[in-house]
């Protein structure tokens, strides 16, 4: 059972986290989904450090938590470590890191594609500090 002061402390920490996330979402690249560039992302993969739209969040959830750990920006509670991961990475740095070796003719999935392009990850973990580098390829399925 939690005391009133513990609940107030948790509430204050949650408000601080929400303020940090709101500030991060005001950064130019974070205003768009890291995967499909839809406007106004409200979801995040905190272990990858990227903001995304609800549609791409669903795709990331289907990848499994061993690859992408998805949270709602404003519906979920965040830990200090999760917030720090978002502060350290963000969409700009994540693109530089995760998409450094994409071919020149790579095209992002569009937000209006239906059914959406299926993202598959060829996971070849190369550990460097706290990050795992993923080789990302896009596979279009014909329906």
N, C-alpha and C. Protein backbone atom coordinates (compact mmCIF):
# COMPACT_ATOMS: atom_id res chain seq x y z
N UNK A 1 0.84 -1.19 0.00
CA UNK A 1 0.00 0.00 0.00
C UNK A 1 0.88 1.24 0.00
N UNK A 2 0.54 2.18 -0.85
CA UNK A 2 1.35 3.39 -0.96
C UNK A 2 0.77 4.51 -0.11
N UNK A 3 1.66 5.32 0.37
CA UNK A 3 1.22 6.45 1.18
C UNK A 3 0.89 7.62 0.26
N UNK A 4 0.25 8.59 0.84
CA UNK A 4 -0.11 9.78 0.07
C UNK A 4 1.12 10.48 -0.48
N UNK A 5 2.16 10.60 0.34
CA UNK A 5 3.38 11.29 -0.11
C UNK A 5 4.06 10.51 -1.25
N UNK A 6 4.00 9.17 -1.22
CA UNK A 6 4.56 8.37 -2.32
C UNK A 6 3.78 8.58 -3.61
N UNK A 7 2.46 8.66 -3.49
CA UNK A 7 1.62 8.91 -4.68
C UNK A 7 1.89 10.30 -5.24
N UNK A 8 2.02 11.28 -4.36
CA UNK A 8 2.32 12.64 -4.81
C UNK A 8 3.68 12.72 -5.48
N UNK A 9 4.66 12.01 -4.93
CA UNK A 9 5.99 11.99 -5.51
C UNK A 9 5.95 11.33 -6.89
N UNK A 10 5.23 10.23 -7.01
CA UNK A 10 5.10 9.54 -8.30
C UNK A 10 4.39 10.42 -9.32
N UNK A 11 3.36 11.14 -8.88
CA UNK A 11 2.62 12.04 -9.76
C UNK A 11 3.52 13.18 -10.25
N UNK A 12 4.32 13.72 -9.35
CA UNK A 12 5.23 14.81 -9.72
C UNK A 12 6.27 14.31 -10.72
N UNK A 13 6.81 13.11 -10.50
CA UNK A 13 7.79 12.54 -11.43
C UNK A 13 7.16 12.30 -12.79
N UNK A 14 5.93 11.80 -12.81
CA UNK A 14 5.21 11.59 -14.07
C UNK A 14 5.01 12.90 -14.81
N UNK A 15 4.67 13.96 -14.11
CA UNK A 15 4.50 15.28 -14.73
C UNK A 15 5.82 15.79 -15.31
N UNK A 16 6.92 15.55 -14.61
CA UNK A 16 8.23 15.94 -15.13
C UNK A 16 8.55 15.17 -16.41
N UNK A 17 8.27 13.87 -16.40
CA UNK A 17 8.52 13.05 -17.58
C UNK A 17 7.67 13.52 -18.76
N UNK A 18 6.41 13.84 -18.51
CA UNK A 18 5.54 14.33 -19.58
C UNK A 18 6.07 15.64 -20.15
N UNK A 19 6.59 16.50 -19.30
CA UNK A 19 7.15 17.77 -19.77
C UNK A 19 8.37 17.53 -20.66
N UNK A 20 9.21 16.58 -20.29
CA UNK A 20 10.39 16.26 -21.10
C UNK A 20 9.98 15.70 -22.44
N UNK A 21 9.01 14.76 -22.44
CA UNK A 21 8.55 14.16 -23.70
C UNK A 21 7.90 15.21 -24.60
N UNK A 22 7.13 16.12 -24.01
CA UNK A 22 6.50 17.19 -24.78
C UNK A 22 7.55 18.08 -25.42
N UNK A 23 8.59 18.41 -24.66
CA UNK A 23 9.69 19.22 -25.20
C UNK A 23 10.39 18.49 -26.34
N UNK A 24 10.64 17.19 -26.17
CA UNK A 24 11.30 16.41 -27.22
C UNK A 24 10.45 16.38 -28.49
N UNK A 25 9.14 16.27 -28.33
CA UNK A 25 8.26 16.21 -29.50
C UNK A 25 8.19 17.53 -30.26
N UNK A 26 8.68 18.60 -29.68
CA UNK A 26 8.74 19.89 -30.37
C UNK A 26 9.95 20.02 -31.28
N UNK A 27 10.93 19.11 -31.11
CA UNK A 27 12.10 19.13 -31.99
C UNK A 27 11.65 18.71 -33.39
N UNK A 28 12.23 19.32 -34.41
CA UNK A 28 11.74 19.17 -35.78
C UNK A 28 11.57 17.71 -36.23
N UNK A 29 12.61 16.90 -36.12
CA UNK A 29 12.50 15.52 -36.59
C UNK A 29 11.56 14.67 -35.73
N UNK A 30 11.39 15.04 -34.48
CA UNK A 30 10.50 14.29 -33.61
C UNK A 30 9.03 14.63 -33.85
N UNK A 31 8.75 15.64 -34.68
CA UNK A 31 7.37 15.99 -35.02
C UNK A 31 6.77 15.02 -36.02
N UNK A 32 7.60 14.11 -36.54
CA UNK A 32 7.17 13.15 -37.56
C UNK A 32 7.57 11.74 -37.14
N UNK A 33 6.77 10.78 -37.54
CA UNK A 33 7.05 9.38 -37.26
C UNK A 33 8.42 9.01 -37.83
N UNK A 34 9.22 8.32 -37.04
CA UNK A 34 10.56 7.92 -37.47
C UNK A 34 10.51 6.95 -38.65
N UNK A 35 9.44 6.19 -38.80
CA UNK A 35 9.37 5.19 -39.87
C UNK A 35 8.68 5.71 -41.13
N UNK A 36 7.48 6.27 -40.98
CA UNK A 36 6.71 6.64 -42.18
C UNK A 36 6.56 8.15 -42.36
N UNK A 37 7.05 8.92 -41.42
CA UNK A 37 7.01 10.39 -41.45
C UNK A 37 5.61 10.99 -41.32
N UNK A 38 4.68 10.23 -40.72
CA UNK A 38 3.36 10.79 -40.42
C UNK A 38 3.54 11.90 -39.38
N UNK A 39 2.69 12.93 -39.49
CA UNK A 39 2.76 14.06 -38.56
C UNK A 39 2.22 13.69 -37.19
N UNK A 40 2.82 14.26 -36.16
CA UNK A 40 2.30 14.18 -34.82
C UNK A 40 2.37 12.82 -34.14
N UNK A 41 3.54 12.21 -34.05
CA UNK A 41 3.63 10.91 -33.39
C UNK A 41 3.28 11.00 -31.91
N UNK A 42 2.58 10.00 -31.40
CA UNK A 42 2.21 9.97 -29.99
C UNK A 42 2.67 8.68 -29.32
N UNK A 43 3.53 7.94 -30.00
CA UNK A 43 4.05 6.67 -29.49
C UNK A 43 5.57 6.71 -29.61
N UNK A 44 6.23 5.83 -28.87
CA UNK A 44 7.69 5.79 -28.92
C UNK A 44 8.19 4.37 -28.68
N UNK A 45 9.29 4.06 -29.31
CA UNK A 45 10.05 2.86 -28.97
C UNK A 45 11.18 3.35 -28.09
N UNK A 46 11.05 3.15 -26.79
CA UNK A 46 12.00 3.77 -25.88
C UNK A 46 13.37 3.11 -25.94
N UNK A 47 13.47 1.84 -26.27
CA UNK A 47 14.80 1.23 -26.34
C UNK A 47 15.53 1.62 -27.63
N UNK A 48 14.79 1.94 -28.69
CA UNK A 48 15.41 2.44 -29.92
C UNK A 48 15.53 3.96 -29.90
N UNK A 49 14.75 4.60 -29.04
CA UNK A 49 14.84 6.05 -28.89
C UNK A 49 14.13 6.85 -29.96
N UNK A 50 13.04 6.29 -30.55
CA UNK A 50 12.35 6.98 -31.65
C UNK A 50 10.88 7.21 -31.32
N UNK A 51 10.35 8.30 -31.89
CA UNK A 51 8.93 8.60 -31.81
C UNK A 51 8.25 8.10 -33.07
N UNK A 52 7.02 7.62 -32.94
CA UNK A 52 6.32 7.06 -34.11
C UNK A 52 4.81 7.23 -33.99
N UNK A 53 4.16 7.02 -35.14
CA UNK A 53 2.70 7.09 -35.19
C UNK A 53 2.10 5.79 -34.65
N UNK A 54 0.81 5.78 -34.44
CA UNK A 54 0.14 4.61 -33.88
C UNK A 54 0.25 3.40 -34.81
N UNK A 55 0.22 3.65 -36.10
CA UNK A 55 0.30 2.56 -37.06
C UNK A 55 1.67 1.86 -37.01
N UNK A 56 2.72 2.63 -37.01
CA UNK A 56 4.06 2.06 -36.93
C UNK A 56 4.33 1.48 -35.54
N UNK A 57 3.71 2.05 -34.51
CA UNK A 57 3.84 1.48 -33.17
C UNK A 57 3.29 0.06 -33.15
N UNK A 58 2.19 -0.17 -33.85
CA UNK A 58 1.62 -1.51 -33.94
C UNK A 58 2.58 -2.47 -34.63
N UNK A 59 3.23 -2.02 -35.68
CA UNK A 59 4.22 -2.85 -36.38
C UNK A 59 5.38 -3.17 -35.44
N UNK A 60 5.85 -2.16 -34.72
CA UNK A 60 6.95 -2.37 -33.78
C UNK A 60 6.54 -3.33 -32.67
N UNK A 61 5.33 -3.23 -32.18
CA UNK A 61 4.87 -4.17 -31.15
C UNK A 61 4.89 -5.60 -31.65
N UNK A 62 4.52 -5.78 -32.92
CA UNK A 62 4.52 -7.12 -33.50
C UNK A 62 5.93 -7.68 -33.68
N UNK A 63 6.94 -6.82 -33.71
CA UNK A 63 8.32 -7.30 -33.82
C UNK A 63 8.76 -8.02 -32.56
N UNK A 64 8.15 -7.67 -31.43
CA UNK A 64 8.51 -8.27 -30.15
C UNK A 64 9.33 -7.33 -29.29
N UNK A 65 9.22 -7.52 -27.98
CA UNK A 65 9.90 -6.62 -27.05
C UNK A 65 11.41 -6.82 -27.03
N UNK A 66 11.88 -7.91 -27.61
CA UNK A 66 13.33 -8.11 -27.69
C UNK A 66 13.94 -7.21 -28.77
N UNK A 67 13.08 -6.59 -29.61
CA UNK A 67 13.56 -5.69 -30.66
C UNK A 67 13.11 -4.26 -30.39
N UNK A 68 11.84 -4.06 -30.08
CA UNK A 68 11.31 -2.71 -29.91
C UNK A 68 10.32 -2.68 -28.74
N UNK A 69 10.54 -1.77 -27.82
CA UNK A 69 9.67 -1.64 -26.64
C UNK A 69 8.86 -0.35 -26.76
N UNK A 70 7.58 -0.52 -27.03
CA UNK A 70 6.70 0.60 -27.39
C UNK A 70 5.89 1.08 -26.19
N UNK A 71 5.78 2.39 -26.09
CA UNK A 71 4.96 3.03 -25.06
C UNK A 71 4.22 4.21 -25.67
N UNK A 72 3.08 4.52 -25.09
CA UNK A 72 2.36 5.74 -25.45
C UNK A 72 3.07 6.92 -24.80
N UNK A 73 3.18 8.00 -25.54
CA UNK A 73 3.83 9.20 -25.00
C UNK A 73 3.06 9.74 -23.80
N UNK A 74 1.73 9.75 -23.88
CA UNK A 74 1.00 10.34 -22.77
C UNK A 74 0.08 9.41 -22.00
N UNK A 75 -0.09 8.17 -22.41
CA UNK A 75 -0.97 7.27 -21.67
C UNK A 75 -0.22 6.36 -20.69
N UNK A 76 1.04 6.12 -20.94
CA UNK A 76 1.82 5.22 -20.11
C UNK A 76 2.69 5.96 -19.11
N UNK A 77 3.07 5.25 -18.06
CA UNK A 77 4.04 5.77 -17.09
C UNK A 77 5.43 5.46 -17.63
N UNK A 78 6.35 6.39 -17.46
CA UNK A 78 7.71 6.23 -17.95
C UNK A 78 8.68 6.21 -16.78
N UNK A 79 9.73 5.42 -16.90
CA UNK A 79 10.78 5.41 -15.88
C UNK A 79 11.85 6.43 -16.27
N UNK A 80 12.66 6.85 -15.32
CA UNK A 80 13.74 7.77 -15.65
C UNK A 80 14.69 7.21 -16.73
N UNK A 81 14.95 5.91 -16.70
CA UNK A 81 15.84 5.28 -17.68
C UNK A 81 15.22 5.34 -19.09
N UNK A 82 13.93 5.15 -19.19
CA UNK A 82 13.25 5.22 -20.48
C UNK A 82 13.28 6.64 -21.04
N UNK A 83 13.05 7.60 -20.18
CA UNK A 83 13.11 9.01 -20.58
C UNK A 83 14.52 9.35 -21.06
N UNK A 84 15.51 8.89 -20.33
CA UNK A 84 16.90 9.18 -20.70
C UNK A 84 17.24 8.59 -22.06
N UNK A 85 16.71 7.42 -22.35
CA UNK A 85 16.94 6.80 -23.66
C UNK A 85 16.39 7.68 -24.79
N UNK A 86 15.22 8.27 -24.58
CA UNK A 86 14.62 9.15 -25.58
C UNK A 86 15.42 10.44 -25.71
N UNK A 87 15.89 10.97 -24.60
CA UNK A 87 16.70 12.20 -24.61
C UNK A 87 18.01 11.94 -25.35
N UNK A 88 18.62 10.80 -25.08
CA UNK A 88 19.92 10.47 -25.69
C UNK A 88 19.82 10.23 -27.19
N UNK A 89 18.69 9.71 -27.66
CA UNK A 89 18.60 9.33 -29.07
C UNK A 89 17.73 10.32 -29.85
N UNK A 90 16.43 10.14 -29.88
CA UNK A 90 15.55 10.99 -30.69
C UNK A 90 15.62 10.57 -32.15
N UNK A 91 14.67 11.02 -32.94
CA UNK A 91 14.57 10.58 -34.33
C UNK A 91 15.78 10.97 -35.19
N UNK A 92 16.36 12.15 -34.95
CA UNK A 92 17.49 12.59 -35.76
C UNK A 92 18.68 11.66 -35.58
N UNK A 93 19.09 11.46 -34.36
CA UNK A 93 20.25 10.62 -34.09
C UNK A 93 19.96 9.16 -34.46
N UNK A 94 18.73 8.71 -34.23
CA UNK A 94 18.37 7.33 -34.57
C UNK A 94 18.49 7.09 -36.07
N UNK A 95 18.03 8.03 -36.87
CA UNK A 95 18.15 7.88 -38.32
C UNK A 95 19.61 7.82 -38.74
N UNK A 96 20.42 8.67 -38.17
CA UNK A 96 21.85 8.66 -38.51
C UNK A 96 22.48 7.31 -38.17
N UNK A 97 22.03 6.73 -37.08
CA UNK A 97 22.60 5.48 -36.62
C UNK A 97 22.01 4.26 -37.33
N UNK A 98 20.70 4.13 -37.30
CA UNK A 98 20.05 2.92 -37.81
C UNK A 98 19.91 2.90 -39.33
N UNK A 99 19.92 4.05 -39.95
CA UNK A 99 19.68 4.09 -41.39
C UNK A 99 20.91 4.52 -42.18
N UNK A 100 22.05 4.42 -41.58
CA UNK A 100 23.29 4.88 -42.22
C UNK A 100 23.62 4.11 -43.49
N UNK A 101 23.17 2.87 -43.60
CA UNK A 101 23.57 2.04 -44.74
C UNK A 101 22.41 1.65 -45.63
N UNK A 102 21.33 2.43 -45.61
CA UNK A 102 20.21 2.14 -46.51
C UNK A 102 20.61 2.50 -47.94
N UNK A 103 20.10 1.76 -48.92
CA UNK A 103 20.43 2.09 -50.31
C UNK A 103 19.82 3.43 -50.71
N UNK A 104 20.42 4.07 -51.69
CA UNK A 104 19.95 5.38 -52.16
C UNK A 104 18.51 5.36 -52.63
N UNK A 105 18.06 4.23 -53.18
CA UNK A 105 16.71 4.13 -53.72
C UNK A 105 15.68 3.69 -52.68
N UNK A 106 16.06 3.67 -51.40
CA UNK A 106 15.13 3.27 -50.35
C UNK A 106 13.96 4.25 -50.27
N UNK A 107 12.76 3.71 -50.20
CA UNK A 107 11.55 4.53 -50.06
C UNK A 107 10.83 4.13 -48.78
N UNK A 108 10.48 5.12 -48.01
CA UNK A 108 9.75 4.86 -46.76
C UNK A 108 8.32 4.44 -47.06
N UNK A 109 7.74 3.62 -46.18
CA UNK A 109 6.32 3.31 -46.35
C UNK A 109 5.51 4.59 -46.15
N UNK A 110 4.42 4.73 -46.87
CA UNK A 110 3.59 5.91 -46.76
C UNK A 110 2.48 5.67 -45.75
N UNK A 111 2.04 6.74 -45.12
CA UNK A 111 1.03 6.62 -44.08
C UNK A 111 -0.31 6.15 -44.63
N UNK A 112 -0.56 6.39 -45.91
CA UNK A 112 -1.86 6.02 -46.48
C UNK A 112 -1.84 4.65 -47.17
N UNK A 113 -0.73 3.92 -47.07
CA UNK A 113 -0.67 2.60 -47.67
C UNK A 113 -1.57 1.64 -46.91
N UNK A 114 -2.37 0.91 -47.64
CA UNK A 114 -3.15 -0.14 -47.02
C UNK A 114 -3.25 -1.32 -47.96
N UNK A 115 -2.91 -2.48 -47.49
CA UNK A 115 -2.37 -2.73 -46.15
C UNK A 115 -0.97 -2.15 -46.02
N UNK A 116 -0.55 -1.87 -44.80
CA UNK A 116 0.76 -1.24 -44.63
C UNK A 116 1.88 -2.16 -45.09
N UNK A 117 2.99 -1.54 -45.45
CA UNK A 117 4.17 -2.32 -45.79
C UNK A 117 4.60 -3.08 -44.56
N UNK A 118 4.96 -4.31 -44.74
CA UNK A 118 5.41 -5.12 -43.60
C UNK A 118 6.89 -4.89 -43.41
N UNK A 119 7.26 -4.41 -42.25
CA UNK A 119 8.66 -4.21 -41.94
C UNK A 119 9.21 -5.50 -41.36
N UNK A 120 10.32 -5.91 -41.85
CA UNK A 120 10.98 -7.05 -41.23
C UNK A 120 12.39 -6.62 -40.89
N UNK A 121 12.88 -7.10 -39.81
CA UNK A 121 14.21 -6.74 -39.36
C UNK A 121 15.10 -7.97 -39.41
N UNK A 122 16.20 -7.84 -40.11
CA UNK A 122 17.23 -8.86 -40.06
C UNK A 122 18.10 -8.45 -38.89
N UNK A 123 17.92 -9.11 -37.78
CA UNK A 123 18.59 -8.69 -36.56
C UNK A 123 19.97 -9.32 -36.50
N UNK A 124 20.95 -8.47 -36.57
CA UNK A 124 22.34 -8.87 -36.44
C UNK A 124 22.91 -7.98 -35.35
N UNK A 125 22.74 -8.39 -34.11
CA UNK A 125 23.14 -7.49 -33.03
C UNK A 125 24.65 -7.25 -32.99
N UNK A 126 25.00 -5.99 -33.09
CA UNK A 126 26.38 -5.57 -32.94
C UNK A 126 26.38 -4.62 -31.76
N UNK A 127 26.85 -5.06 -30.66
CA UNK A 127 26.78 -4.26 -29.44
C UNK A 127 27.88 -3.21 -29.44
N UNK A 128 27.47 -1.99 -29.15
CA UNK A 128 28.41 -0.89 -29.04
C UNK A 128 27.90 -0.02 -27.90
N UNK A 129 28.44 -0.20 -26.74
CA UNK A 129 27.93 0.55 -25.59
C UNK A 129 26.55 0.04 -25.23
N UNK A 130 25.59 0.94 -25.18
CA UNK A 130 24.23 0.59 -24.79
C UNK A 130 23.32 0.30 -25.97
N UNK A 131 23.82 0.41 -27.20
CA UNK A 131 22.94 0.30 -28.34
C UNK A 131 23.19 -0.99 -29.12
N UNK A 132 22.15 -1.50 -29.69
CA UNK A 132 22.25 -2.64 -30.58
C UNK A 132 21.89 -2.13 -31.97
N UNK A 133 22.77 -2.33 -32.92
CA UNK A 133 22.53 -1.87 -34.27
C UNK A 133 21.71 -2.91 -35.02
N UNK A 134 20.68 -2.49 -35.69
CA UNK A 134 19.82 -3.39 -36.43
C UNK A 134 19.93 -3.10 -37.92
N UNK A 135 19.99 -4.14 -38.69
CA UNK A 135 19.97 -3.99 -40.13
C UNK A 135 18.51 -4.05 -40.55
N UNK A 136 17.97 -2.95 -41.04
CA UNK A 136 16.54 -2.85 -41.34
C UNK A 136 16.32 -2.93 -42.84
N UNK A 137 15.43 -3.82 -43.24
CA UNK A 137 15.07 -3.90 -44.65
C UNK A 137 13.55 -3.83 -44.76
N UNK A 138 13.10 -3.31 -45.86
CA UNK A 138 11.67 -3.15 -46.08
C UNK A 138 11.22 -4.17 -47.12
N UNK A 139 10.19 -4.90 -46.78
CA UNK A 139 9.63 -5.87 -47.70
C UNK A 139 8.20 -5.48 -47.99
N UNK A 140 7.90 -5.23 -49.24
CA UNK A 140 6.54 -4.90 -49.64
C UNK A 140 5.82 -6.20 -49.97
N UNK A 141 4.65 -6.36 -49.42
CA UNK A 141 3.86 -7.54 -49.73
C UNK A 141 2.77 -7.15 -50.70
N UNK A 142 2.56 -7.96 -51.71
CA UNK A 142 1.46 -7.68 -52.63
C UNK A 142 0.22 -8.41 -52.13
N UNK A 143 -0.87 -7.72 -52.05
CA UNK A 143 -2.10 -8.29 -51.49
C UNK A 143 -3.12 -8.50 -52.58
